[in-house]
C-alpha cells in the first residue's frame, strides 16, 4: 500500500517515508525545551497526595492490548511488579513527583499511524 504525500498545516509536504516519519514525529512529539527543566521546580505538596490506590488505578487503567513502549515492559509485567512490591513503586512515584525528575524512559513513547479505509486526509 502506498500513502500519498502528507501535508502539514503550513503547507509543507512530506513525500518519502523518512520525511513522513519525521513530520509525524515532530507533530506528535514536539521537541523538548530543556532550558525550562534545568532547575528543580519549587517544592509543592502534590507528592503528598500520591497513594498506593492512585498508582494502582493508573496501572490498571492502561490497556492490556497496548504494545510495550521503549522500556519493553508489557502490561502484565507492570502488573506483576506492582503485585510484588506495591510500596516501593508507590514510593518511586512519590519521589519522582516531589523532586520533579522522572526516568528518561517515562518521557518516551512510540507511535504508529494506521491507515484507515476511507480516510485519505492525515493532516
PDB file of N, CA and C in Angstrom:
ATOM      1  N   UNK A   1       0.846  -1.162   0.000  1.00  0.00           N
ATOM      2  CA  UNK A   1       0.000   0.000   0.000  1.00  0.00           C
ATOM      3  C   UNK A   1       0.900   1.237   0.000  1.00  0.00           C
ATOM      4  N   UNK A   2       0.575   2.193  -0.819  1.00  0.00           N
ATOM      5  CA  UNK A   2       1.340   3.425  -0.893  1.00  0.00           C
ATOM      6  C   UNK A   2       0.473   4.561  -0.354  1.00  0.00           C
ATOM      7  N   UNK A   3       1.055   5.361   0.491  1.00  0.00           N
ATOM      8  CA  UNK A   3       0.345   6.516   1.026  1.00  0.00           C
ATOM      9  C   UNK A   3       0.885   7.745   0.312  1.00  0.00           C
ATOM     10  N   UNK A   4      -0.042   8.587  -0.141  1.00  0.00           N
ATOM     11  CA  UNK A   4       0.364   9.804  -0.832  1.00  0.00           C
ATOM     12  C   UNK A   4       1.113  10.719   0.115  1.00  0.00           C
ATOM     13  N   UNK A   5       1.601  11.827  -0.445  1.00  0.00           N
ATOM     14  CA  UNK A   5       2.349  12.803   0.346  1.00  0.00           C
ATOM     15  C   UNK A   5       1.498  13.324   1.494  1.00  0.00           C
ATOM     16  N   UNK A   6       2.150  13.591   2.610  1.00  0.00           N
ATOM     17  CA  UNK A   6       1.486  14.225   3.743  1.00  0.00           C
ATOM     18  C   UNK A   6       1.750  15.720   3.670  1.00  0.00           C
ATOM     19  N   UNK A   7       0.756  16.520   4.045  1.00  0.00           N
ATOM     20  CA  UNK A   7       0.901  17.969   4.047  1.00  0.00           C
ATOM     21  C   UNK A   7       0.534  18.481   5.423  1.00  0.00           C
ATOM     22  N   UNK A   8       1.419  19.286   6.019  1.00  0.00           N
ATOM     23  CA  UNK A   8       1.103  19.837   7.335  1.00  0.00           C
ATOM     24  C   UNK A   8       0.288  21.122   7.188  1.00  0.00           C
ATOM     25  N   UNK A   9      -0.065  21.719   8.291  1.00  0.00           N
ATOM     26  CA  UNK A   9      -0.926  22.903   8.271  1.00  0.00           C
ATOM     27  C   UNK A   9      -0.270  24.118   7.626  1.00  0.00           C
ATOM     28  N   UNK A  10       1.052  24.132   7.579  1.00  0.00           N
ATOM     29  CA  UNK A  10       1.765  25.239   6.951  1.00  0.00           C
ATOM     30  C   UNK A  10       1.938  25.002   5.449  1.00  0.00           C
ATOM     31  N   UNK A  11       1.482  23.853   4.941  1.00  0.00           N
ATOM     32  CA  UNK A  11       1.574  23.546   3.521  1.00  0.00           C
ATOM     33  C   UNK A  11       2.824  22.779   3.123  1.00  0.00           C
ATOM     34  N   UNK A  12       3.686  22.469   4.074  1.00  0.00           N
ATOM     35  CA  UNK A  12       4.902  21.710   3.775  1.00  0.00           C
ATOM     36  C   UNK A  12       4.529  20.254   3.520  1.00  0.00           C
ATOM     37  N   UNK A  13       5.129  19.676   2.466  1.00  0.00           N
ATOM     38  CA  UNK A  13       4.816  18.298   2.102  1.00  0.00           C
ATOM     39  C   UNK A  13       5.938  17.345   2.478  1.00  0.00           C
ATOM     40  N   UNK A  14       5.541  16.142   2.828  1.00  0.00           N
ATOM     41  CA  UNK A  14       6.481  15.050   3.079  1.00  0.00           C
ATOM     42  C   UNK A  14       6.154  13.952   2.078  1.00  0.00           C
ATOM     43  N   UNK A  15       7.146  13.557   1.289  1.00  0.00           N
ATOM     44  CA  UNK A  15       6.914  12.569   0.237  1.00  0.00           C
ATOM     45  C   UNK A  15       7.535  11.212   0.531  1.00  0.00           C
ATOM     46  N   UNK A  16       8.759  11.199   1.014  1.00  0.00           N
ATOM     47  CA  UNK A  16       9.425   9.929   1.285  1.00  0.00           C
ATOM     48  C   UNK A  16       8.992   9.384   2.647  1.00  0.00           C
ATOM     49  N   UNK A  17       9.273   8.121   2.868  1.00  0.00           N
ATOM     50  CA  UNK A  17       8.934   7.517   4.165  1.00  0.00           C
ATOM     51  C   UNK A  17       9.642   8.229   5.306  1.00  0.00           C
ATOM     52  N   UNK A  18      10.918   8.582   5.094  1.00  0.00           N
ATOM     53  CA  UNK A  18      11.669   9.283   6.145  1.00  0.00           C
ATOM     54  C   UNK A  18      11.061  10.649   6.439  1.00  0.00           C
ATOM     55  N   UNK A  19      10.696  11.395   5.399  1.00  0.00           N
ATOM     56  CA  UNK A  19      10.085  12.716   5.595  1.00  0.00           C
ATOM     57  C   UNK A  19       8.754  12.597   6.326  1.00  0.00           C
ATOM     58  N   UNK A  20       7.965  11.602   5.962  1.00  0.00           N
ATOM     59  CA  UNK A  20       6.669  11.388   6.615  1.00  0.00           C
ATOM     60  C   UNK A  20       6.861  11.039   8.087  1.00  0.00           C
ATOM     61  N   UNK A  21       7.826  10.136   8.350  1.00  0.00           N
ATOM     62  CA  UNK A  21       8.107   9.755   9.736  1.00  0.00           C
ATOM     63  C   UNK A  21       8.524  10.974  10.560  1.00  0.00           C
ATOM     64  N   UNK A  22       9.404  11.807   9.985  1.00  0.00           N
ATOM     65  CA  UNK A  22       9.876  12.994  10.696  1.00  0.00           C
ATOM     66  C   UNK A  22       8.731  13.976  10.944  1.00  0.00           C
ATOM     67  N   UNK A  23       7.878  14.179   9.937  1.00  0.00           N
ATOM     68  CA  UNK A  23       6.754  15.107  10.089  1.00  0.00           C
ATOM     69  C   UNK A  23       5.796  14.627  11.179  1.00  0.00           C
ATOM     70  N   UNK A  24       5.448  13.352  11.135  1.00  0.00           N
ATOM     71  CA  UNK A  24       4.527  12.809  12.139  1.00  0.00           C
ATOM     72  C   UNK A  24       5.148  12.836  13.531  1.00  0.00           C
ATOM     73  N   UNK A  25       6.435  12.524  13.604  1.00  0.00           N
ATOM     74  CA  UNK A  25       7.128  12.537  14.890  1.00  0.00           C
ATOM     75  C   UNK A  25       7.166  13.945  15.489  1.00  0.00           C
ATOM     76  N   UNK A  26       7.492  14.932  14.665  1.00  0.00           N
ATOM     77  CA  UNK A  26       7.587  16.318  15.164  1.00  0.00           C
ATOM     78  C   UNK A  26       6.226  16.858  15.589  1.00  0.00           C
ATOM     79  N   UNK A  27       5.181  16.493  14.863  1.00  0.00           N
ATOM     80  CA  UNK A  27       3.840  16.974  15.207  1.00  0.00           C
ATOM     81  C   UNK A  27       3.297  16.253  16.441  1.00  0.00           C
ATOM     82  N   UNK A  28       3.572  14.959  16.546  1.00  0.00           N
ATOM     83  CA  UNK A  28       3.041  14.184  17.668  1.00  0.00           C
ATOM     84  C   UNK A  28       3.860  14.357  18.937  1.00  0.00           C
ATOM     85  N   UNK A  29       5.170  14.517  18.778  1.00  0.00           N
ATOM     86  CA  UNK A  29       6.067  14.625  19.926  1.00  0.00           C
ATOM     87  C   UNK A  29       6.990  15.821  19.723  1.00  0.00           C
ATOM     88  N   UNK A  30       6.497  17.044  19.975  1.00  0.00           N
ATOM     89  CA  UNK A  30       7.329  18.224  19.730  1.00  0.00           C
ATOM     90  C   UNK A  30       8.601  18.195  20.559  1.00  0.00           C
ATOM     91  N   UNK A  31       9.679  18.830  20.032  1.00  0.00           N
ATOM     92  CA  UNK A  31      10.946  18.824  20.760  1.00  0.00           C
ATOM     93  C   UNK A  31      10.806  19.480  22.130  1.00  0.00           C
ATOM     94  N   UNK A  32      11.609  19.005  23.034  1.00  0.00           N
ATOM     95  CA  UNK A  32      11.586  19.463  24.415  1.00  0.00           C
ATOM     96  C   UNK A  32      12.504  20.674  24.580  1.00  0.00           C
ATOM     97  N   UNK A  33      12.046  21.696  25.279  1.00  0.00           N
ATOM     98  CA  UNK A  33      12.892  22.849  25.593  1.00  0.00           C
ATOM     99  C   UNK A  33      13.580  22.550  26.916  1.00  0.00           C
ATOM    100  N   UNK A  34      14.789  21.969  26.841  1.00  0.00           N
ATOM    101  CA  UNK A  34      15.491  21.530  28.043  1.00  0.00           C
ATOM    102  C   UNK A  34      15.798  22.673  29.002  1.00  0.00           C
ATOM    103  N   UNK A  35      15.876  23.896  28.496  1.00  0.00           N
ATOM    104  CA  UNK A  35      16.254  25.007  29.369  1.00  0.00           C
ATOM    105  C   UNK A  35      15.247  25.213  30.496  1.00  0.00           C
ATOM    106  N   UNK A  36      13.976  24.949  30.242  1.00  0.00           N
ATOM    107  CA  UNK A  36      12.997  25.168  31.300  1.00  0.00           C
ATOM    108  C   UNK A  36      12.991  24.041  32.336  1.00  0.00           C
ATOM    109  N   UNK A  37      13.742  22.967  32.075  1.00  0.00           N
ATOM    110  CA  UNK A  37      13.807  21.865  33.018  1.00  0.00           C
ATOM    111  C   UNK A  37      15.154  21.787  33.732  1.00  0.00           C
ATOM    112  N   UNK A  38      15.985  22.798  33.553  1.00  0.00           N
ATOM    113  CA  UNK A  38      17.319  22.732  34.141  1.00  0.00           C
ATOM    114  C   UNK A  38      17.301  22.968  35.646  1.00  0.00           C
ATOM    115  N   UNK A  39      16.288  23.629  36.154  1.00  0.00           N
ATOM    116  CA  UNK A  39      16.189  23.870  37.600  1.00  0.00           C
ATOM    117  C   UNK A  39      15.055  23.034  38.174  1.00  0.00           C
ATOM    118  N   UNK A  40      15.213  22.649  39.404  1.00  0.00           N
ATOM    119  CA  UNK A  40      14.140  21.921  40.068  1.00  0.00           C
ATOM    120  C   UNK A  40      12.971  22.864  40.316  1.00  0.00           C
ATOM    121  N   UNK A  41      11.751  22.390  40.148  1.00  0.00           N
ATOM    122  CA  UNK A  41      10.604  23.248  40.449  1.00  0.00           C
ATOM    123  C   UNK A  41      10.518  23.494  41.945  1.00  0.00           C
ATOM    124  N   UNK A  42       9.808  24.550  42.344  1.00  0.00           N
ATOM    125  CA  UNK A  42       9.665  24.786  43.781  1.00  0.00           C
ATOM    126  C   UNK A  42       8.940  23.604  44.433  1.00  0.00           C
ATOM    127  N   UNK A  43       9.328  23.324  45.647  1.00  0.00           N
ATOM    128  CA  UNK A  43       8.718  22.214  46.370  1.00  0.00           C
ATOM    129  C   UNK A  43       7.245  22.503  46.603  1.00  0.00           C
ATOM    130  N   UNK A  44       6.433  21.542  46.248  1.00  0.00           N
ATOM    131  CA  UNK A  44       4.995  21.674  46.442  1.00  0.00           C
ATOM    132  C   UNK A  44       4.491  20.542  47.301  1.00  0.00           C
ATOM    133  N   UNK A  45       3.206  20.305  47.206  1.00  0.00           N
ATOM    134  CA  UNK A  45       2.631  19.261  48.046  1.00  0.00           C
ATOM    135  C   UNK A  45       1.960  18.154  47.244  1.00  0.00           C
ATOM    136  N   UNK A  46       2.105  18.185  45.913  1.00  0.00           N
ATOM    137  CA  UNK A  46       1.433  17.173  45.086  1.00  0.00           C
ATOM    138  C   UNK A  46       1.859  15.756  45.478  1.00  0.00           C
ATOM    139  N   UNK A  47       3.132  15.590  45.843  1.00  0.00           N
ATOM    140  CA  UNK A  47       3.610  14.249  46.190  1.00  0.00           C
ATOM    141  C   UNK A  47       2.912  13.680  47.423  1.00  0.00           C
ATOM    142  N   UNK A  48       2.385  14.537  48.269  1.00  0.00           N
ATOM    143  CA  UNK A  48       1.711  14.038  49.476  1.00  0.00           C
ATOM    144  C   UNK A  48       0.383  13.371  49.142  1.00  0.00           C
ATOM    145  N   UNK A  49      -0.141  13.654  47.952  1.00  0.00           N
ATOM    146  CA  UNK A  49      -1.429  13.064  47.559  1.00  0.00           C
ATOM    147  C   UNK A  49      -1.272  11.725  46.849  1.00  0.00           C
ATOM    148  N   UNK A  50      -0.033  11.292  46.630  1.00  0.00           N
ATOM    149  CA  UNK A  50       0.202  10.005  45.966  1.00  0.00           C
ATOM    150  C   UNK A  50      -0.056   8.891  46.974  1.00  0.00           C
ATOM    151  N   UNK A  51      -0.990   8.047  46.642  1.00  0.00           N
ATOM    152  CA  UNK A  51      -1.340   6.905  47.483  1.00  0.00           C
ATOM    153  C   UNK A  51      -1.218   5.636  46.641  1.00  0.00           C
ATOM    154  N   UNK A  52      -1.012   4.527  47.291  1.00  0.00           N
ATOM    155  CA  UNK A  52      -0.914   3.250  46.584  1.00  0.00           C
ATOM    156  C   UNK A  52      -2.131   3.022  45.692  1.00  0.00           C
ATOM    157  N   UNK A  53      -3.310   3.381  46.180  1.00  0.00           N
ATOM    158  CA  UNK A  53      -4.541   3.160  45.418  1.00  0.00           C
ATOM    159  C   UNK A  53      -4.524   3.951  44.105  1.00  0.00           C
ATOM    160  N   UNK A  54      -4.000   5.175  44.136  1.00  0.00           N
ATOM    161  CA  UNK A  54      -3.947   6.005  42.927  1.00  0.00           C
ATOM    162  C   UNK A  54      -2.961   5.435  41.915  1.00  0.00           C
ATOM    163  N   UNK A  55      -1.823   4.957  42.396  1.00  0.00           N
ATOM    164  CA  UNK A  55      -0.826   4.366  41.496  1.00  0.00           C
ATOM    165  C   UNK A  55      -1.397   3.084  40.891  1.00  0.00           C
ATOM    166  N   UNK A  56      -2.039   2.285  41.717  1.00  0.00           N
ATOM    167  CA  UNK A  56      -2.647   1.051  41.218  1.00  0.00           C
ATOM    168  C   UNK A  56      -3.695   1.358  40.153  1.00  0.00           C
ATOM    169  N   UNK A  57      -4.510   2.370  40.385  1.00  0.00           N
ATOM    170  CA  UNK A  57      -5.533   2.752  39.409  1.00  0.00           C
ATOM    171  C   UNK A  57      -4.892   3.197  38.097  1.00  0.00           C
ATOM    172  N   UNK A  58      -3.775   3.927  38.183  1.00  0.00           N
ATOM    173  CA  UNK A  58      -3.068   4.363  36.975  1.00  0.00           C
ATOM    174  C   UNK A  58      -2.541   3.163  36.196  1.00  0.00           C
ATOM    175  N   UNK A  59      -2.040   2.168  36.900  1.00  0.00           N
ATOM    176  CA  UNK A  59      -1.532   0.966  36.233  1.00  0.00           C
ATOM    177  C   UNK A  59      -2.679   0.184  35.597  1.00  0.00           C
ATOM    178  N   UNK A  60      -3.768   0.010  36.335  1.00  0.00           N
ATOM    179  CA  UNK A  60      -4.900  -0.764  35.831  1.00  0.00           C
ATOM    180  C   UNK A  60      -5.647  -0.063  34.702  1.00  0.00           C
ATOM    181  N   UNK A  61      -5.525   1.265  34.598  1.00  0.00           N
ATOM    182  CA  UNK A  61      -6.261   1.995  33.564  1.00  0.00           C
ATOM    183  C   UNK A  61      -5.609   1.854  32.190  1.00  0.00           C
ATOM    184  N   UNK A  62      -4.413   1.274  32.126  1.00  0.00           N
ATOM    185  CA  UNK A  62      -3.737   1.067  30.846  1.00  0.00           C
ATOM    186  C   UNK A  62      -4.364  -0.125  30.131  1.00  0.00           C
ATOM    187  N   UNK A  63      -4.382  -0.060  28.827  1.00  0.00           N
ATOM    188  CA  UNK A  63      -4.952  -1.152  28.044  1.00  0.00           C
ATOM    189  C   UNK A  63      -4.010  -2.351  28.044  1.00  0.00           C
ATOM    190  N   UNK A  64      -4.587  -3.525  28.215  1.00  0.00           N
ATOM    191  CA  UNK A  64      -3.784  -4.745  28.174  1.00  0.00           C
ATOM    192  C   UNK A  64      -3.363  -5.077  26.745  1.00  0.00           C
ATOM    193  N   UNK A  65      -3.958  -4.408  25.761  1.00  0.00           N
ATOM    194  CA  UNK A  65      -3.656  -4.678  24.359  1.00  0.00           C
ATOM    195  C   UNK A  65      -2.507  -3.828  23.834  1.00  0.00           C
ATOM    196  N   UNK A  66      -2.094  -2.797  24.574  1.00  0.00           N
ATOM    197  CA  UNK A  66      -1.008  -1.930  24.097  1.00  0.00           C
ATOM    198  C   UNK A  66       0.301  -2.690  24.032  1.00  0.00           C
ATOM    199  N   UNK A  67       1.067  -2.377  23.015  1.00  0.00           N
ATOM    200  CA  UNK A  67       2.403  -2.966  22.887  1.00  0.00           C
ATOM    201  C   UNK A  67       3.329  -2.288  23.890  1.00  0.00           C
ATOM    202  N   UNK A  68       4.362  -2.979  24.341  1.00  0.00           N
ATOM    203  CA  UNK A  68       5.321  -2.352  25.255  1.00  0.00           C
ATOM    204  C   UNK A  68       5.977  -1.143  24.612  1.00  0.00           C
ATOM    205  N   UNK A  69       6.287  -0.156  25.414  1.00  0.00           N
ATOM    206  CA  UNK A  69       6.962   1.043  24.938  1.00  0.00           C
ATOM    207  C   UNK A  69       8.468   0.864  24.958  1.00  0.00           C
ATOM    208  N   UNK A  70       9.213   1.989  24.971  1.00  0.00           N
ATOM    209  CA  UNK A  70      10.680   1.905  24.959  1.00  0.00           C
ATOM    210  C   UNK A  70      11.262   1.151  26.152  1.00  0.00           C
ATOM    211  N   UNK A  71      10.528   1.092  27.267  1.00  0.00           N
ATOM    212  CA  UNK A  71      11.038   0.375  28.436  1.00  0.00           C
ATOM    213  C   UNK A  71      10.862  -1.138  28.310  1.00  0.00           C
ATOM    214  N   UNK A  72      10.149  -1.584  27.268  1.00  0.00           N
ATOM    215  CA  UNK A  72       9.933  -3.008  26.976  1.00  0.00           C
ATOM    216  C   UNK A  72       9.115  -3.737  28.038  1.00  0.00           C
ATOM    217  N   UNK A  73       8.392  -2.979  28.860  1.00  0.00           N
ATOM    218  CA  UNK A  73       7.567  -3.600  29.898  1.00  0.00           C
ATOM    219  C   UNK A  73       6.122  -3.680  29.418  1.00  0.00           C
ATOM    220  N   UNK A  74       5.577  -4.873  29.361  1.00  0.00           N
ATOM    221  CA  UNK A  74       4.185  -5.063  28.968  1.00  0.00           C
ATOM    222  C   UNK A  74       3.277  -4.770  30.162  1.00  0.00           C
ATOM    223  N   UNK A  75       1.980  -4.727  29.905  1.00  0.00           N
ATOM    224  CA  UNK A  75       1.018  -4.526  30.989  1.00  0.00           C
ATOM    225  C   UNK A  75       1.169  -5.628  32.037  1.00  0.00           C
ATOM    226  N   UNK A  76       1.291  -6.871  31.576  1.00  0.00           N
ATOM    227  CA  UNK A  76       1.417  -7.997  32.515  1.00  0.00           C
ATOM    228  C   UNK A  76       2.646  -7.849  33.409  1.00  0.00           C
ATOM    229  N   UNK A  77       3.752  -7.387  32.833  1.00  0.00           N
ATOM    230  CA  UNK A  77       4.971  -7.205  33.618  1.00  0.00           C
ATOM    231  C   UNK A  77       4.770  -6.122  34.673  1.00  0.00           C
ATOM    232  N   UNK A  78       4.178  -5.007  34.267  1.00  0.00           N
ATOM    233  CA  UNK A  78       3.918  -3.926  35.236  1.00  0.00           C
ATOM    234  C   UNK A  78       2.999  -4.414  36.353  1.00  0.00           C
ATOM    235  N   UNK A  79       1.992  -5.167  35.974  1.00  0.00           N
ATOM    236  CA  UNK A  79       1.049  -5.662  36.971  1.00  0.00           C
ATOM    237  C   UNK A  79       1.736  -6.632  37.940  1.00  0.00           C
ATOM    238  N   UNK A  80       2.594  -7.516  37.437  1.00  0.00           N
ATOM    239  CA  UNK A  80       3.320  -8.435  38.313  1.00  0.00           C
ATOM    240  C   UNK A  80       4.266  -7.679  39.252  1.00  0.00           C
ATOM    241  N   UNK A  81       4.966  -6.668  38.709  1.00  0.00           N
ATOM    242  CA  UNK A  81       5.841  -5.851  39.562  1.00  0.00           C
ATOM    243  C   UNK A  81       5.032  -5.145  40.645  1.00  0.00           C
ATOM    244  N   UNK A  82       3.864  -4.640  40.266  1.00  0.00           N
ATOM    245  CA  UNK A  82       3.005  -3.968  41.238  1.00  0.00           C
ATOM    246  C   UNK A  82       2.586  -4.937  42.342  1.00  0.00           C
ATOM    247  N   UNK A  83       2.152  -6.118  41.976  1.00  0.00           N
ATOM    248  CA  UNK A  83       1.727  -7.101  42.975  1.00  0.00           C
ATOM    249  C   UNK A  83       2.896  -7.523  43.858  1.00  0.00           C
ATOM    250  N   UNK A  84       4.100  -7.548  43.293  1.00  0.00           N
ATOM    251  CA  UNK A  84       5.286  -7.975  44.033  1.00  0.00           C
ATOM    252  C   UNK A  84       5.728  -6.937  45.061  1.00  0.00           C
ATOM    253  N   UNK A  85       5.706  -5.628  44.706  1.00  0.00           N
ATOM    254  CA  UNK A  85       6.215  -4.612  45.634  1.00  0.00           C
ATOM    255  C   UNK A  85       5.504  -3.272  45.464  1.00  0.00           C
ATOM    256  N   UNK A  86       4.239  -3.222  45.877  1.00  0.00           N
ATOM    257  CA  UNK A  86       3.425  -2.005  45.755  1.00  0.00           C
ATOM    258  C   UNK A  86       4.076  -0.811  46.442  1.00  0.00           C
ATOM    259  N   UNK A  87       4.575  -1.049  47.629  1.00  0.00           N
ATOM    260  CA  UNK A  87       5.118   0.047  48.434  1.00  0.00           C
ATOM    261  C   UNK A  87       6.296   0.728  47.734  1.00  0.00           C
ATOM    262  N   UNK A  88       7.193  -0.049  47.167  1.00  0.00           N
ATOM    263  CA  UNK A  88       8.374   0.525  46.505  1.00  0.00           C
ATOM    264  C   UNK A  88       7.975   1.327  45.262  1.00  0.00           C
ATOM    265  N   UNK A  89       7.044   0.814  44.484  1.00  0.00           N
ATOM    266  CA  UNK A  89       6.617   1.525  43.274  1.00  0.00           C
ATOM    267  C   UNK A  89       5.882   2.803  43.638  1.00  0.00           C
ATOM    268  N   UNK A  90       5.051   2.772  44.667  1.00  0.00           N
ATOM    269  CA  UNK A  90       4.359   3.990  45.121  1.00  0.00           C
ATOM    270  C   UNK A  90       5.376   5.009  45.638  1.00  0.00           C
ATOM    271  N   UNK A  91       6.400   4.554  46.350  1.00  0.00           N
ATOM    272  CA  UNK A  91       7.456   5.467  46.835  1.00  0.00           C
ATOM    273  C   UNK A  91       8.221   6.092  45.679  1.00  0.00           C
ATOM    274  N   UNK A  92       8.562   5.288  44.676  1.00  0.00           N
ATOM    275  CA  UNK A  92       9.260   5.797  43.499  1.00  0.00           C
ATOM    276  C   UNK A  92       8.429   6.884  42.816  1.00  0.00           C
ATOM    277  N   UNK A  93       7.140   6.636  42.657  1.00  0.00           N
ATOM    278  CA  UNK A  93       6.249   7.619  42.042  1.00  0.00           C
ATOM    279  C   UNK A  93       6.207   8.894  42.869  1.00  0.00           C
ATOM    280  N   UNK A  94       6.083   8.754  44.176  1.00  0.00           N
ATOM    281  CA  UNK A  94       6.013   9.907  45.070  1.00  0.00           C
ATOM    282  C   UNK A  94       7.291  10.745  45.011  1.00  0.00           C
ATOM    283  N   UNK A  95       8.451  10.085  45.029  1.00  0.00           N
ATOM    284  CA  UNK A  95       9.733  10.795  44.983  1.00  0.00           C
ATOM    285  C   UNK A  95       9.903  11.505  43.643  1.00  0.00           C
ATOM    286  N   UNK A  96       9.520  10.837  42.550  1.00  0.00           N
ATOM    287  CA  UNK A  96       9.640  11.464  41.227  1.00  0.00           C
ATOM    288  C   UNK A  96       8.796  12.735  41.160  1.00  0.00           C
ATOM    289  N   UNK A  97       7.598  12.695  41.697  1.00  0.00           N
ATOM    290  CA  UNK A  97       6.735  13.884  41.693  1.00  0.00           C
ATOM    291  C   UNK A  97       7.294  14.954  42.619  1.00  0.00           C
ATOM    292  N   UNK A  98       7.765  14.563  43.798  1.00  0.00           N
ATOM    293  CA  UNK A  98       8.308  15.533  44.756  1.00  0.00           C
ATOM    294  C   UNK A  98       9.528  16.246  44.185  1.00  0.00           C
ATOM    295  N   UNK A  99      10.417  15.494  43.533  1.00  0.00           N
ATOM    296  CA  UNK A  99      11.651  16.088  43.020  1.00  0.00           C
ATOM    297  C   UNK A  99      11.481  16.708  41.636  1.00  0.00           C
ATOM    298  N   UNK A 100      10.403  16.380  40.952  1.00  0.00           N
ATOM    299  CA  UNK A 100      10.200  16.902  39.611  1.00  0.00           C
ATOM    300  C   UNK A 100      11.129  16.275  38.590  1.00  0.00           C
ATOM    301  N   UNK A 101      11.636  15.111  38.888  1.00  0.00           N
ATOM    302  CA  UNK A 101      12.536  14.387  37.982  1.00  0.00           C
ATOM    303  C   UNK A 101      11.944  13.009  37.725  1.00  0.00           C
ATOM    304  N   UNK A 102      11.974  12.604  36.457  1.00  0.00           N
ATOM    305  CA  UNK A 102      11.402  11.316  36.087  1.00  0.00           C
ATOM    306  C   UNK A 102      12.386  10.565  35.197  1.00  0.00           C
ATOM    307  N   UNK A 103      12.425   9.246  35.298  1.00  0.00           N
ATOM    308  CA  UNK A 103      13.317   8.474  34.429  1.00  0.00           C
ATOM    309  C   UNK A 103      13.077   8.834  32.962  1.00  0.00           C
ATOM    310  N   UNK A 104      14.145   8.920  32.186  1.00  0.00           N
ATOM    311  CA  UNK A 104      14.020   9.338  30.786  1.00  0.00           C
ATOM    312  C   UNK A 104      13.089   8.420  29.997  1.00  0.00           C
ATOM    313  N   UNK A 105      13.034   7.133  30.341  1.00  0.00           N
ATOM    314  CA  UNK A 105      12.133   6.226  29.624  1.00  0.00           C
ATOM    315  C   UNK A 105      10.668   6.581  29.847  1.00  0.00           C
ATOM    316  N   UNK A 106      10.349   7.262  30.954  1.00  0.00           N
ATOM    317  CA  UNK A 106       8.972   7.674  31.201  1.00  0.00           C
ATOM    318  C   UNK A 106       8.569   8.810  30.269  1.00  0.00           C
ATOM    319  N   UNK A 107       9.546   9.428  29.636  1.00  0.00           N
ATOM    320  CA  UNK A 107       9.280  10.579  28.766  1.00  0.00           C
ATOM    321  C   UNK A 107       9.289  10.190  27.294  1.00  0.00           C
ATOM    322  N   UNK A 108       9.404   8.909  26.997  1.00  0.00           N
ATOM    323  CA  UNK A 108       9.458   8.447  25.615  1.00  0.00           C
ATOM    324  C   UNK A 108       8.194   7.669  25.281  1.00  0.00           C
ATOM    325  N   UNK A 109       7.830   7.733  24.022  1.00  0.00           N
ATOM    326  CA  UNK A 109       6.672   6.973  23.546  1.00  0.00           C
ATOM    327  C   UNK A 109       6.940   6.538  22.122  1.00  0.00           C
ATOM    328  N   UNK A 110       6.237   5.533  21.698  1.00  0.00           N
ATOM    329  CA  UNK A 110       6.302   5.069  20.319  1.00  0.00           C
ATOM    330  C   UNK A 110       4.918   5.231  19.725  1.00  0.00           C
ATOM    331  N   UNK A 111       4.864   5.708  18.520  1.00  0.00           N
ATOM    332  CA  UNK A 111       3.566   5.892  17.869  1.00  0.00           C
ATOM    333  C   UNK A 111       3.556   5.238  16.499  1.00  0.00           C
ATOM    334  N   UNK A 112       2.387   4.798  16.099  1.00  0.00           N
ATOM    335  CA  UNK A 112       2.220   4.172  14.800  1.00  0.00           C
ATOM    336  C   UNK A 112       0.986   4.778  14.150  1.00  0.00           C
ATOM    337  N   UNK A 113       1.133   5.222  12.908  1.00  0.00           N
ATOM    338  CA  UNK A 113      -0.006   5.733  12.154  1.00  0.00           C
ATOM    339  C   UNK A 113      -0.605   4.571  11.384  1.00  0.00           C
ATOM    340  N   UNK A 114      -1.876   4.340  11.595  1.00  0.00           N
ATOM    341  CA  UNK A 114      -2.548   3.223  10.949  1.00  0.00           C
ATOM    342  C   UNK A 114      -3.498   3.785   9.897  1.00  0.00           C
ATOM    343  N   UNK A 115      -3.330   3.325   8.668  1.00  0.00           N
ATOM    344  CA  UNK A 115      -4.202   3.763   7.578  1.00  0.00           C
ATOM    345  C   UNK A 115      -5.602   3.234   7.824  1.00  0.00           C
ATOM    346  N   UNK A 116      -6.581   4.131   7.762  1.00  0.00           N
ATOM    347  CA  UNK A 116      -7.972   3.744   7.961  1.00  0.00           C
ATOM    348  C   UNK A 116      -8.696   3.832   6.620  1.00  0.00           C
ATOM    349  N   UNK A 117      -9.423   2.805   6.240  1.00  0.00           N
ATOM    350  CA  UNK A 117     -10.132   2.825   4.961  1.00  0.00           C
ATOM    351  C   UNK A 117     -11.062   4.038   4.879  1.00  0.00           C
ATOM    352  N   UNK A 118     -11.012   4.705   3.752  1.00  0.00           N
ATOM    353  CA  UNK A 118     -11.885   5.852   3.529  1.00  0.00           C
ATOM    354  C   UNK A 118     -11.341   7.153   4.079  1.00  0.00           C
ATOM    355  N   UNK A 119     -10.228   7.130   4.784  1.00  0.00           N
ATOM    356  CA  UNK A 119      -9.642   8.355   5.328  1.00  0.00           C
ATOM    357  C   UNK A 119      -8.341   8.623   4.582  1.00  0.00           C
ATOM    358  N   UNK A 120      -8.398   9.556   3.647  1.00  0.00           N
ATOM    359  CA  UNK A 120      -7.213   9.865   2.856  1.00  0.00           C
ATOM    360  C   UNK A 120      -6.509  11.124   3.340  1.00  0.00           C
ATOM    361  N   UNK A 121      -7.110  11.835   4.307  1.00  0.00           N
ATOM    362  CA  UNK A 121      -6.531  13.091   4.782  1.00  0.00           C
ATOM    363  C   UNK A 121      -5.942  12.888   6.176  1.00  0.00           C
ATOM    364  N   UNK A 122      -4.616  12.855   6.260  1.00  0.00           N
ATOM    365  CA  UNK A 122      -3.930  12.647   7.529  1.00  0.00           C
ATOM    366  C   UNK A 122      -3.256  13.913   8.026  1.00  0.00           C
ATOM    367  N   UNK A 123      -3.715  15.083   7.570  1.00  0.00           N
ATOM    368  CA  UNK A 123      -3.103  16.325   8.031  1.00  0.00           C
ATOM    369  C   UNK A 123      -3.463  16.563   9.469  1.00  0.00           C
TER     370      UNK A 123
END
